[in-house]
């Protein structure tokens, strides 16, 4: 009888250990799920989680100028900010960080331009080309010149970007930019819309 009782104790001990192990696993899983539920950090394409505050700082640094240009020219602030994000890689590109050109604005004056390499989408593929880009004294000046271009058009077509100004929503404005030939990227409108929605940039339009 004593031996049988010892075996029962051993089985009981093993069973208890298994239960404790299962409870521990369930507890870890529960804690992990809570951490995921509580993670409300914005989703920002191309930016790591630890750089979110840096991205927010970039948005806030150009938002006042974008909102002012919306009042002055009618270009939605969300569009101005989203384009700056895409074109300048969150203000980290050489063109934006050194020459304050947020939008890849090209120029024809040797005194206020810099020759740099850029990628353009031609004949179904991306190619690297050399181009003269404008140089600005500040990001605010870049935002203003960009809005002026949208409002006044190009030297060969004053109404080139009129549909952008006529758009009722940021989605329509983004598509109008692509249709009017602002960028060669065939997915430009979708990228703009994604950046606007993932970072709630539409809040700056009101």
N, C-alpha and C. Protein backbone atom coordinates (compact mmCIF):
# COMPACT_ATOMS: atom_id res chain seq x y z
N UNK A 1 0.83 -1.21 0.00
CA UNK A 1 0.00 0.00 0.00
C UNK A 1 0.86 1.25 0.00
N UNK A 2 1.97 1.22 0.70
CA UNK A 2 2.83 2.40 0.80
C UNK A 2 3.38 2.78 -0.56
N UNK A 3 3.77 1.79 -1.36
CA UNK A 3 4.32 2.09 -2.68
C UNK A 3 3.27 2.72 -3.59
N UNK A 4 2.04 2.21 -3.52
CA UNK A 4 0.96 2.77 -4.34
C UNK A 4 0.69 4.21 -3.97
N UNK A 5 0.72 4.52 -2.70
CA UNK A 5 0.50 5.88 -2.24
C UNK A 5 1.59 6.81 -2.73
N UNK A 6 2.84 6.33 -2.79
CA UNK A 6 3.98 7.13 -3.27
C UNK A 6 3.80 7.48 -4.73
N UNK A 7 3.31 6.48 -5.51
CA UNK A 7 3.09 6.75 -6.94
C UNK A 7 2.02 7.80 -7.13
N UNK A 8 0.97 7.73 -6.30
CA UNK A 8 -0.11 8.71 -6.41
C UNK A 8 0.40 10.12 -6.13
N UNK A 9 1.28 10.20 -5.15
CA UNK A 9 1.86 11.51 -4.81
C UNK A 9 2.70 12.04 -5.97
N UNK A 10 3.44 11.12 -6.61
CA UNK A 10 4.28 11.53 -7.75
C UNK A 10 3.42 12.05 -8.89
N UNK A 11 2.32 11.31 -9.20
CA UNK A 11 1.40 11.74 -10.26
C UNK A 11 0.78 13.08 -9.92
N UNK A 12 0.44 13.26 -8.67
CA UNK A 12 -0.17 14.52 -8.24
C UNK A 12 0.81 15.68 -8.39
N UNK A 13 2.08 15.44 -8.07
CA UNK A 13 3.10 16.47 -8.19
C UNK A 13 3.31 16.88 -9.64
N UNK A 14 3.37 15.88 -10.52
CA UNK A 14 3.55 16.15 -11.95
C UNK A 14 2.39 16.93 -12.51
N UNK A 15 1.17 16.53 -12.10
CA UNK A 15 -0.03 17.21 -12.57
C UNK A 15 -0.05 18.66 -12.11
N UNK A 16 0.34 18.88 -10.87
CA UNK A 16 0.40 20.25 -10.34
C UNK A 16 1.40 21.09 -11.10
N UNK A 17 2.55 20.51 -11.43
CA UNK A 17 3.59 21.23 -12.18
C UNK A 17 3.09 21.61 -13.56
N UNK A 18 2.35 20.70 -14.20
CA UNK A 18 1.81 20.99 -15.53
C UNK A 18 0.80 22.13 -15.47
N UNK A 19 -0.05 22.11 -14.44
CA UNK A 19 -1.06 23.16 -14.28
C UNK A 19 -0.40 24.52 -14.07
N UNK A 20 0.63 24.53 -13.23
CA UNK A 20 1.36 25.77 -12.96
C UNK A 20 2.01 26.29 -14.24
N UNK A 21 2.58 25.37 -15.02
CA UNK A 21 3.23 25.76 -16.28
C UNK A 21 2.22 26.35 -17.25
N UNK A 22 1.03 25.71 -17.34
CA UNK A 22 -0.01 26.20 -18.23
C UNK A 22 -0.50 27.58 -17.81
N UNK A 23 -0.66 27.77 -16.52
CA UNK A 23 -1.11 29.07 -16.00
C UNK A 23 -0.08 30.16 -16.29
N UNK A 24 1.20 29.79 -16.18
CA UNK A 24 2.28 30.75 -16.46
C UNK A 24 2.26 31.18 -17.93
N UNK A 25 2.08 30.20 -18.83
CA UNK A 25 2.02 30.50 -20.27
C UNK A 25 0.83 31.39 -20.57
N UNK A 26 -0.33 31.06 -19.98
CA UNK A 26 -1.53 31.88 -20.20
C UNK A 26 -1.35 33.30 -19.69
N UNK A 27 -0.67 33.44 -18.56
CA UNK A 27 -0.43 34.76 -18.00
C UNK A 27 0.46 35.60 -18.91
N UNK A 28 1.53 34.99 -19.44
CA UNK A 28 2.44 35.68 -20.35
C UNK A 28 1.70 36.12 -21.61
N UNK A 29 0.85 35.22 -22.14
CA UNK A 29 0.09 35.54 -23.36
C UNK A 29 -0.87 36.69 -23.10
N UNK A 30 -1.49 36.69 -21.92
CA UNK A 30 -2.44 37.75 -21.57
C UNK A 30 -1.74 39.10 -21.47
N UNK A 31 -0.57 39.11 -20.83
CA UNK A 31 0.19 40.35 -20.69
C UNK A 31 0.62 40.87 -22.05
N UNK A 32 1.03 39.96 -22.93
CA UNK A 32 1.46 40.36 -24.27
C UNK A 32 0.31 40.97 -25.05
N UNK A 33 -0.90 40.37 -24.90
CA UNK A 33 -2.06 40.90 -25.62
C UNK A 33 -2.43 42.28 -25.11
N UNK A 34 -2.27 42.51 -23.82
CA UNK A 34 -2.56 43.83 -23.26
C UNK A 34 -1.61 44.87 -23.81
N UNK A 35 -0.34 44.51 -23.98
CA UNK A 35 0.64 45.46 -24.50
C UNK A 35 0.33 45.84 -25.93
N UNK A 36 -0.22 44.87 -26.69
CA UNK A 36 -0.58 45.17 -28.08
C UNK A 36 -1.80 46.04 -28.15
N UNK A 37 -2.79 45.75 -27.29
CA UNK A 37 -4.01 46.55 -27.27
C UNK A 37 -3.72 47.98 -26.89
N UNK A 38 -2.76 48.16 -26.00
CA UNK A 38 -2.47 49.50 -25.51
C UNK A 38 -1.51 50.29 -26.37
N UNK A 39 -1.08 49.72 -27.49
CA UNK A 39 -0.11 50.39 -28.34
C UNK A 39 -0.82 51.21 -29.40
N UNK A 40 -0.94 52.52 -29.17
CA UNK A 40 -1.65 53.39 -30.09
C UNK A 40 -0.70 54.32 -30.83
N UNK A 41 0.55 53.93 -31.00
CA UNK A 41 1.51 54.77 -31.73
C UNK A 41 1.08 54.88 -33.18
N UNK A 42 1.24 56.05 -33.79
CA UNK A 42 0.84 56.22 -35.18
C UNK A 42 1.66 55.35 -36.11
N UNK A 43 1.03 54.93 -37.22
CA UNK A 43 1.70 54.12 -38.21
C UNK A 43 2.30 55.05 -39.25
N UNK A 44 3.60 55.09 -39.34
CA UNK A 44 4.25 56.03 -40.23
C UNK A 44 5.17 55.28 -41.17
N UNK A 45 4.84 55.26 -42.47
CA UNK A 45 5.66 54.53 -43.43
C UNK A 45 7.12 54.98 -43.41
N UNK A 46 8.03 54.00 -43.33
CA UNK A 46 9.45 54.32 -43.41
C UNK A 46 10.05 54.84 -42.12
N UNK A 47 9.26 54.90 -41.03
CA UNK A 47 9.78 55.42 -39.77
C UNK A 47 9.66 54.37 -38.69
N UNK A 48 10.75 54.06 -38.02
CA UNK A 48 10.75 53.09 -36.94
C UNK A 48 10.01 53.64 -35.72
N UNK A 49 9.56 52.73 -34.86
CA UNK A 49 8.75 53.14 -33.71
C UNK A 49 9.49 54.14 -32.83
N UNK A 50 10.78 53.99 -32.65
CA UNK A 50 11.53 54.89 -31.78
C UNK A 50 11.77 56.25 -32.43
N UNK A 51 11.37 56.39 -33.72
CA UNK A 51 11.53 57.67 -34.41
C UNK A 51 10.20 58.40 -34.57
N UNK A 52 9.15 57.88 -33.93
CA UNK A 52 7.82 58.48 -34.07
C UNK A 52 7.82 59.92 -33.59
N UNK A 53 8.47 60.20 -32.47
CA UNK A 53 8.49 61.56 -31.94
C UNK A 53 9.20 62.51 -32.90
N UNK A 54 10.23 62.01 -33.58
CA UNK A 54 10.95 62.82 -34.56
C UNK A 54 10.04 63.14 -35.75
N UNK A 55 9.24 62.16 -36.16
CA UNK A 55 8.31 62.37 -37.26
C UNK A 55 7.24 63.39 -36.87
N UNK A 56 6.74 63.27 -35.64
CA UNK A 56 5.74 64.22 -35.17
C UNK A 56 6.30 65.63 -35.13
N UNK A 57 7.56 65.75 -34.74
CA UNK A 57 8.21 67.06 -34.70
C UNK A 57 8.30 67.65 -36.10
N UNK A 58 8.59 66.80 -37.10
CA UNK A 58 8.68 67.27 -38.48
C UNK A 58 7.32 67.81 -38.94
N UNK A 59 6.27 67.07 -38.65
CA UNK A 59 4.92 67.50 -39.05
C UNK A 59 4.58 68.84 -38.40
N UNK A 60 4.84 68.95 -37.11
CA UNK A 60 4.50 70.18 -36.41
C UNK A 60 5.35 71.36 -36.88
N UNK A 61 6.54 71.10 -37.40
CA UNK A 61 7.42 72.19 -37.84
C UNK A 61 6.93 72.84 -39.13
N UNK A 62 6.23 72.07 -39.96
CA UNK A 62 5.77 72.65 -41.23
C UNK A 62 4.26 72.86 -41.29
N UNK A 63 3.53 72.34 -40.30
CA UNK A 63 2.07 72.47 -40.30
C UNK A 63 1.59 73.93 -40.31
N UNK A 64 2.18 74.83 -39.51
CA UNK A 64 1.71 76.23 -39.53
C UNK A 64 1.84 76.87 -40.91
N UNK A 65 2.95 76.62 -41.59
CA UNK A 65 3.14 77.18 -42.93
C UNK A 65 2.13 76.57 -43.90
N UNK A 66 1.88 75.27 -43.79
CA UNK A 66 0.92 74.60 -44.67
C UNK A 66 -0.49 75.14 -44.46
N UNK A 67 -0.85 75.38 -43.20
CA UNK A 67 -2.17 75.92 -42.91
C UNK A 67 -2.31 77.36 -43.42
N UNK A 68 -1.24 78.13 -43.32
CA UNK A 68 -1.25 79.50 -43.83
C UNK A 68 -1.43 79.50 -45.35
N UNK A 69 -0.77 78.55 -46.03
CA UNK A 69 -0.88 78.46 -47.48
C UNK A 69 -2.27 77.99 -47.90
N UNK A 70 -2.92 77.20 -47.04
CA UNK A 70 -4.29 76.79 -47.34
C UNK A 70 -5.21 78.02 -47.34
N UNK A 71 -5.00 78.91 -46.38
CA UNK A 71 -5.80 80.13 -46.32
C UNK A 71 -5.50 81.05 -47.49
N UNK A 72 -4.23 81.10 -47.87
CA UNK A 72 -3.81 82.05 -48.90
C UNK A 72 -4.08 81.56 -50.33
N UNK A 73 -3.84 80.25 -50.56
CA UNK A 73 -3.95 79.73 -51.92
C UNK A 73 -5.04 78.67 -52.10
N UNK A 74 -5.51 78.08 -51.00
CA UNK A 74 -6.53 77.05 -51.12
C UNK A 74 -5.99 75.64 -51.26
N UNK A 75 -4.68 75.47 -51.07
CA UNK A 75 -4.08 74.13 -51.12
C UNK A 75 -4.26 73.47 -49.75
N UNK A 76 -4.92 72.34 -49.71
CA UNK A 76 -5.17 71.68 -48.42
C UNK A 76 -3.86 71.45 -47.66
N UNK A 77 -3.88 71.78 -46.36
CA UNK A 77 -2.68 71.61 -45.54
C UNK A 77 -2.26 70.15 -45.48
N UNK A 78 -3.22 69.24 -45.46
CA UNK A 78 -2.89 67.82 -45.40
C UNK A 78 -2.11 67.39 -46.64
N UNK A 79 -2.47 67.96 -47.79
CA UNK A 79 -1.76 67.65 -49.04
C UNK A 79 -0.34 68.20 -48.99
N UNK A 80 -0.20 69.44 -48.55
CA UNK A 80 1.13 70.06 -48.46
C UNK A 80 2.05 69.27 -47.55
N UNK A 81 1.52 68.87 -46.39
CA UNK A 81 2.33 68.13 -45.42
C UNK A 81 2.68 66.74 -45.94
N UNK A 82 1.69 66.05 -46.49
CA UNK A 82 1.92 64.70 -46.99
C UNK A 82 2.93 64.69 -48.13
N UNK A 83 2.84 65.67 -49.02
CA UNK A 83 3.81 65.74 -50.11
C UNK A 83 5.22 66.00 -49.56
N UNK A 84 5.31 66.86 -48.58
CA UNK A 84 6.62 67.13 -47.98
C UNK A 84 7.20 65.87 -47.35
N UNK A 85 6.36 65.07 -46.70
CA UNK A 85 6.82 63.83 -46.08
C UNK A 85 7.37 62.87 -47.13
N UNK A 86 6.59 62.68 -48.19
CA UNK A 86 7.01 61.76 -49.24
C UNK A 86 8.24 62.24 -49.99
N UNK A 87 8.22 63.50 -50.39
CA UNK A 87 9.28 64.03 -51.23
C UNK A 87 10.61 64.20 -50.48
N UNK A 88 10.53 64.50 -49.18
CA UNK A 88 11.75 64.79 -48.42
C UNK A 88 12.19 63.66 -47.50
N UNK A 89 11.42 62.56 -47.48
CA UNK A 89 11.72 61.45 -46.56
C UNK A 89 11.74 61.95 -45.12
N UNK A 90 10.65 62.66 -44.76
CA UNK A 90 10.51 63.19 -43.41
C UNK A 90 11.59 64.22 -43.08
N UNK A 91 12.01 64.98 -44.10
CA UNK A 91 12.99 66.02 -43.87
C UNK A 91 14.41 65.51 -43.75
N UNK A 92 14.63 64.25 -44.10
CA UNK A 92 15.95 63.64 -43.95
C UNK A 92 16.76 63.58 -45.24
N UNK A 93 16.13 63.87 -46.36
CA UNK A 93 16.87 63.81 -47.63
C UNK A 93 17.89 64.94 -47.69
N UNK A 94 18.89 64.76 -48.52
CA UNK A 94 19.91 65.79 -48.67
C UNK A 94 19.29 67.09 -49.19
N UNK A 95 18.37 66.96 -50.11
CA UNK A 95 17.73 68.14 -50.71
C UNK A 95 16.98 68.96 -49.68
N UNK A 96 16.33 68.28 -48.74
CA UNK A 96 15.54 69.01 -47.73
C UNK A 96 16.37 69.44 -46.53
N UNK A 97 17.29 68.59 -46.09
CA UNK A 97 18.06 68.90 -44.88
C UNK A 97 19.17 69.92 -45.13
N UNK A 98 19.70 69.94 -46.35
CA UNK A 98 20.79 70.86 -46.67
C UNK A 98 20.30 72.09 -47.43
N UNK A 99 19.35 71.86 -48.34
CA UNK A 99 18.91 72.95 -49.23
C UNK A 99 17.47 73.39 -48.97
N UNK A 100 16.83 72.86 -47.94
CA UNK A 100 15.48 73.26 -47.52
C UNK A 100 14.41 73.07 -48.60
N UNK A 101 14.67 72.19 -49.55
CA UNK A 101 13.70 71.92 -50.62
C UNK A 101 12.92 70.66 -50.24
N UNK A 102 11.69 70.85 -49.78
CA UNK A 102 10.89 69.74 -49.28
C UNK A 102 10.15 68.96 -50.37
N UNK A 103 9.96 69.59 -51.52
CA UNK A 103 9.07 69.01 -52.53
C UNK A 103 9.76 68.59 -53.82
N UNK A 104 11.05 68.63 -53.87
CA UNK A 104 11.74 68.28 -55.09
C UNK A 104 11.46 69.28 -56.20
N UNK A 105 11.27 70.54 -55.80
CA UNK A 105 10.96 71.60 -56.78
C UNK A 105 12.20 71.89 -57.62
N UNK A 106 12.03 71.82 -58.93
CA UNK A 106 13.14 72.06 -59.85
C UNK A 106 13.17 73.53 -60.27
N UNK A 107 14.36 74.00 -60.66
CA UNK A 107 14.51 75.39 -61.06
C UNK A 107 15.37 75.52 -62.30
N UNK A 108 15.42 76.73 -62.83
CA UNK A 108 16.23 76.96 -64.04
C UNK A 108 17.24 78.08 -63.85
N UNK A 109 17.38 78.59 -62.62
CA UNK A 109 18.35 79.64 -62.34
C UNK A 109 19.57 79.04 -61.66
N UNK A 110 20.73 79.23 -62.26
CA UNK A 110 21.95 78.65 -61.70
C UNK A 110 22.30 79.24 -60.35
N UNK A 111 21.82 80.46 -60.07
CA UNK A 111 22.16 81.12 -58.82
C UNK A 111 21.43 80.52 -57.62
N UNK A 112 20.23 79.98 -57.85
CA UNK A 112 19.44 79.46 -56.74
C UNK A 112 19.10 77.98 -56.90
N UNK A 113 19.95 77.24 -57.54
CA UNK A 113 19.71 75.81 -57.74
C UNK A 113 20.95 74.99 -57.41
N UNK A 114 20.74 73.70 -57.24
CA UNK A 114 21.83 72.77 -57.01
C UNK A 114 21.57 71.54 -57.86
N UNK A 115 22.62 71.01 -58.47
CA UNK A 115 22.49 69.83 -59.33
C UNK A 115 22.62 68.56 -58.48
N UNK A 116 21.56 67.75 -58.50
CA UNK A 116 21.56 66.51 -57.72
C UNK A 116 20.93 65.38 -58.53
N UNK A 117 21.19 64.16 -58.09
CA UNK A 117 20.58 62.99 -58.72
C UNK A 117 19.20 62.76 -58.15
N UNK A 118 18.30 62.26 -58.98
CA UNK A 118 16.95 61.94 -58.53
C UNK A 118 16.42 60.77 -59.34
N UNK A 119 15.39 60.12 -58.85
CA UNK A 119 14.79 59.00 -59.57
C UNK A 119 13.46 59.43 -60.17
N UNK A 120 13.27 59.09 -61.44
CA UNK A 120 12.03 59.37 -62.15
C UNK A 120 11.51 58.07 -62.75
N UNK A 121 10.18 58.00 -62.91
CA UNK A 121 9.55 56.79 -63.44
C UNK A 121 9.26 57.00 -64.92
N UNK A 122 10.01 56.33 -65.79
CA UNK A 122 9.85 56.46 -67.24
C UNK A 122 9.74 55.08 -67.88
N UNK A 123 8.78 54.98 -68.81
CA UNK A 123 8.63 53.74 -69.58
C UNK A 123 8.55 52.50 -68.70
N UNK A 124 7.82 52.63 -67.60
CA UNK A 124 7.58 51.48 -66.74
C UNK A 124 8.69 51.10 -65.81
N UNK A 125 9.70 51.96 -65.64
CA UNK A 125 10.78 51.63 -64.71
C UNK A 125 11.38 52.91 -64.12
N UNK A 126 12.04 52.75 -62.96
CA UNK A 126 12.68 53.86 -62.29
C UNK A 126 14.09 54.05 -62.85
N UNK A 127 14.40 55.30 -63.18
CA UNK A 127 15.73 55.62 -63.70
C UNK A 127 16.30 56.80 -62.91
N UNK A 128 17.62 56.85 -62.79
CA UNK A 128 18.30 57.94 -62.08
C UNK A 128 18.72 59.00 -63.09
N UNK A 129 18.35 60.25 -62.78
CA UNK A 129 18.69 61.36 -63.68
C UNK A 129 19.28 62.51 -62.86
N UNK A 130 19.93 63.43 -63.53
CA UNK A 130 20.46 64.64 -62.90
C UNK A 130 19.49 65.80 -63.16
N UNK A 131 19.26 66.63 -62.16
CA UNK A 131 18.34 67.76 -62.32
C UNK A 131 18.76 68.92 -61.43
N UNK A 132 18.36 70.13 -61.83
CA UNK A 132 18.61 71.33 -61.03
C UNK A 132 17.44 71.56 -60.10
N UNK A 133 17.74 71.60 -58.80
CA UNK A 133 16.69 71.78 -57.80
C UNK A 133 16.85 73.14 -57.12
N UNK A 134 15.71 73.72 -56.76
CA UNK A 134 15.72 75.02 -56.10
C UNK A 134 16.32 74.92 -54.70
N UNK A 135 16.93 76.02 -54.27
CA UNK A 135 17.49 76.13 -52.92
C UNK A 135 16.70 77.21 -52.18
N UNK A 136 16.27 76.89 -50.95
CA UNK A 136 15.48 77.82 -50.15
C UNK A 136 16.21 78.18 -48.86
N UNK A 137 15.79 79.29 -48.26
CA UNK A 137 16.42 79.70 -47.00
C UNK A 137 15.75 79.06 -45.79
N UNK A 138 14.59 78.44 -46.01
CA UNK A 138 13.89 77.78 -44.90
C UNK A 138 12.85 76.82 -45.45
N UNK A 139 12.37 75.92 -44.59
CA UNK A 139 11.30 75.01 -44.99
C UNK A 139 10.01 75.78 -45.27
N UNK A 140 9.76 76.82 -44.51
CA UNK A 140 8.55 77.62 -44.71
C UNK A 140 8.53 78.22 -46.11
N UNK A 141 9.70 78.67 -46.59
CA UNK A 141 9.79 79.23 -47.94
C UNK A 141 9.50 78.15 -48.99
N UNK A 142 9.92 76.94 -48.71
CA UNK A 142 9.66 75.83 -49.61
C UNK A 142 8.17 75.52 -49.67
N UNK A 143 7.52 75.52 -48.52
CA UNK A 143 6.08 75.27 -48.45
C UNK A 143 5.32 76.35 -49.24
N UNK A 144 5.75 77.59 -49.09
CA UNK A 144 5.10 78.70 -49.78
C UNK A 144 5.26 78.59 -51.30
N UNK A 145 6.45 78.26 -51.76
CA UNK A 145 6.70 78.16 -53.19
C UNK A 145 5.91 77.00 -53.80
N UNK A 146 5.79 75.92 -53.05
CA UNK A 146 5.02 74.77 -53.50
C UNK A 146 3.55 75.14 -53.68
N UNK A 147 2.98 75.83 -52.69
CA UNK A 147 1.58 76.25 -52.77
C UNK A 147 1.36 77.22 -53.91
N UNK A 148 2.34 78.10 -54.13
CA UNK A 148 2.26 79.06 -55.23
C UNK A 148 2.23 78.34 -56.58
N UNK A 149 3.01 77.28 -56.70
CA UNK A 149 3.03 76.49 -57.94
C UNK A 149 1.65 75.87 -58.19
N UNK A 150 1.07 75.28 -57.15
CA UNK A 150 -0.23 74.64 -57.30
C UNK A 150 -1.29 75.68 -57.68
N UNK A 151 -1.20 76.87 -57.07
CA UNK A 151 -2.20 77.90 -57.31
C UNK A 151 -2.02 78.60 -58.66
N UNK A 152 -0.78 78.83 -59.07
CA UNK A 152 -0.51 79.62 -60.29
C UNK A 152 -0.10 78.79 -61.49
N UNK A 153 0.13 77.51 -61.30
CA UNK A 153 0.48 76.65 -62.41
C UNK A 153 1.90 76.84 -62.88
N UNK A 154 2.19 76.26 -64.02
CA UNK A 154 3.55 76.33 -64.59
C UNK A 154 3.63 77.46 -65.62
N UNK A 155 4.83 77.73 -66.11
CA UNK A 155 5.02 78.79 -67.09
C UNK A 155 4.33 78.45 -68.41
N UNK A 156 4.11 77.16 -68.68
CA UNK A 156 3.47 76.76 -69.93
C UNK A 156 1.98 76.46 -69.77
N UNK A 157 1.49 76.39 -68.50
CA UNK A 157 0.07 76.13 -68.27
C UNK A 157 -0.34 76.64 -66.90
N UNK A 158 -0.93 77.84 -66.88
CA UNK A 158 -1.32 78.46 -65.61
C UNK A 158 -2.40 77.67 -64.87
N UNK A 159 -3.16 76.86 -65.59
CA UNK A 159 -4.25 76.09 -64.97
C UNK A 159 -3.89 74.61 -64.77
N UNK A 160 -2.62 74.29 -64.83
CA UNK A 160 -2.22 72.89 -64.78
C UNK A 160 -2.73 72.19 -63.52
N UNK A 161 -2.68 72.87 -62.39
CA UNK A 161 -3.08 72.24 -61.13
C UNK A 161 -4.42 72.74 -60.61
N UNK A 162 -5.21 73.35 -61.48
CA UNK A 162 -6.52 73.86 -61.08
C UNK A 162 -7.40 72.78 -60.44
N UNK A 163 -7.41 71.55 -60.97
CA UNK A 163 -8.22 70.49 -60.36
C UNK A 163 -7.86 70.20 -58.90
N UNK A 164 -6.60 70.45 -58.54
CA UNK A 164 -6.17 70.23 -57.15
C UNK A 164 -6.87 71.22 -56.23
N UNK A 165 -6.98 72.46 -56.68
CA UNK A 165 -7.63 73.49 -55.89
C UNK A 165 -9.15 73.30 -55.86
N UNK A 166 -9.68 72.71 -56.90
CA UNK A 166 -11.13 72.49 -56.99
C UNK A 166 -11.59 71.27 -56.21
N UNK A 167 -10.67 70.42 -55.84
CA UNK A 167 -11.01 69.18 -55.12
C UNK A 167 -11.69 69.49 -53.79
N UNK A 168 -12.69 68.69 -53.45
CA UNK A 168 -13.43 68.88 -52.21
C UNK A 168 -12.82 68.13 -51.03
N UNK A 169 -12.07 67.09 -51.31
CA UNK A 169 -11.45 66.28 -50.25
C UNK A 169 -9.98 66.04 -50.55
N UNK A 170 -9.24 65.61 -49.54
CA UNK A 170 -7.82 65.33 -49.73
C UNK A 170 -7.62 64.16 -50.69
N UNK A 171 -8.58 63.23 -50.73
CA UNK A 171 -8.48 62.11 -51.65
C UNK A 171 -8.57 62.59 -53.09
N UNK A 172 -9.52 63.48 -53.34
CA UNK A 172 -9.68 64.03 -54.68
C UNK A 172 -8.46 64.88 -55.07
N UNK A 173 -7.95 65.63 -54.10
CA UNK A 173 -6.78 66.48 -54.37
C UNK A 173 -5.54 65.63 -54.69
N UNK A 174 -5.37 64.53 -53.95
CA UNK A 174 -4.23 63.64 -54.18
C UNK A 174 -4.30 63.03 -55.58
N UNK A 175 -5.48 62.59 -55.97
CA UNK A 175 -5.64 62.01 -57.30
C UNK A 175 -5.44 63.06 -58.38
N UNK A 176 -5.91 64.28 -58.12
CA UNK A 176 -5.75 65.37 -59.09
C UNK A 176 -4.27 65.69 -59.30
N UNK A 177 -3.48 65.65 -58.24
CA UNK A 177 -2.04 65.90 -58.37
C UNK A 177 -1.40 64.90 -59.32
N UNK A 178 -1.77 63.63 -59.16
CA UNK A 178 -1.20 62.59 -60.02
C UNK A 178 -1.69 62.78 -61.46
N UNK A 179 -2.98 63.05 -61.63
CA UNK A 179 -3.55 63.20 -62.97
C UNK A 179 -2.98 64.43 -63.69
N UNK A 180 -2.62 65.46 -62.91
CA UNK A 180 -2.08 66.68 -63.51
C UNK A 180 -0.59 66.59 -63.82
N UNK A 181 0.01 65.46 -63.45
CA UNK A 181 1.41 65.24 -63.78
C UNK A 181 2.41 65.83 -62.81
N UNK A 182 2.03 66.01 -61.54
CA UNK A 182 2.98 66.56 -60.57
C UNK A 182 4.17 65.63 -60.39
N UNK A 183 3.89 64.32 -60.32
CA UNK A 183 4.96 63.33 -60.10
C UNK A 183 4.85 62.22 -61.13
N UNK A 184 5.98 61.56 -61.41
CA UNK A 184 5.99 60.47 -62.38
C UNK A 184 5.61 59.13 -61.74
N UNK A 185 5.60 59.06 -60.41
CA UNK A 185 5.26 57.83 -59.70
C UNK A 185 3.80 57.47 -59.98
N UNK A 186 3.53 56.30 -60.57
CA UNK A 186 2.15 55.91 -60.90
C UNK A 186 1.29 55.63 -59.67
N UNK A 187 1.91 55.50 -58.51
CA UNK A 187 1.17 55.22 -57.28
C UNK A 187 1.18 56.42 -56.33
N UNK A 188 1.48 57.60 -56.89
CA UNK A 188 1.67 58.80 -56.07
C UNK A 188 0.43 59.14 -55.24
N UNK A 189 -0.74 59.11 -55.85
CA UNK A 189 -1.97 59.47 -55.14
C UNK A 189 -2.23 58.55 -53.96
N UNK A 190 -2.07 57.25 -54.17
CA UNK A 190 -2.31 56.28 -53.09
C UNK A 190 -1.34 56.48 -51.94
N UNK A 191 -0.10 56.80 -52.27
CA UNK A 191 0.90 57.03 -51.22
C UNK A 191 0.55 58.27 -50.40
N UNK A 192 0.12 59.32 -51.07
CA UNK A 192 -0.28 60.53 -50.36
C UNK A 192 -1.45 60.27 -49.43
N UNK A 193 -2.46 59.58 -49.94
CA UNK A 193 -3.65 59.27 -49.14
C UNK A 193 -3.28 58.43 -47.93
N UNK A 194 -2.40 57.45 -48.12
CA UNK A 194 -1.99 56.59 -47.01
C UNK A 194 -1.29 57.40 -45.92
N UNK A 195 -0.38 58.29 -46.32
CA UNK A 195 0.34 59.12 -45.34
C UNK A 195 -0.63 60.03 -44.59
N UNK A 196 -1.58 60.60 -45.30
CA UNK A 196 -2.56 61.50 -44.68
C UNK A 196 -3.40 60.75 -43.65
N UNK A 197 -3.89 59.59 -44.03
CA UNK A 197 -4.79 58.85 -43.14
C UNK A 197 -4.06 58.19 -41.98
N UNK A 198 -2.87 57.68 -42.21
CA UNK A 198 -2.13 57.02 -41.14
C UNK A 198 -1.62 58.01 -40.10
N UNK A 199 -1.50 59.27 -40.48
CA UNK A 199 -1.01 60.30 -39.56
C UNK A 199 -2.05 61.36 -39.25
N UNK A 200 -3.32 61.08 -39.61
CA UNK A 200 -4.46 61.98 -39.38
C UNK A 200 -4.13 63.43 -39.77
N UNK A 201 -3.51 63.60 -40.92
CA UNK A 201 -3.13 64.94 -41.37
C UNK A 201 -4.34 65.77 -41.77
N UNK A 202 -5.47 65.10 -42.02
CA UNK A 202 -6.69 65.82 -42.37
C UNK A 202 -7.15 66.76 -41.26
N UNK A 203 -6.67 66.52 -40.05
CA UNK A 203 -7.02 67.41 -38.93
C UNK A 203 -6.48 68.82 -39.15
N UNK A 204 -5.45 68.95 -39.97
CA UNK A 204 -4.86 70.26 -40.21
C UNK A 204 -5.62 71.05 -41.27
N UNK A 205 -6.60 70.42 -41.90
CA UNK A 205 -7.37 71.11 -42.94
C UNK A 205 -8.46 72.01 -42.37
N UNK A 206 -8.81 71.78 -41.11
CA UNK A 206 -9.91 72.56 -40.52
C UNK A 206 -9.38 73.78 -39.76
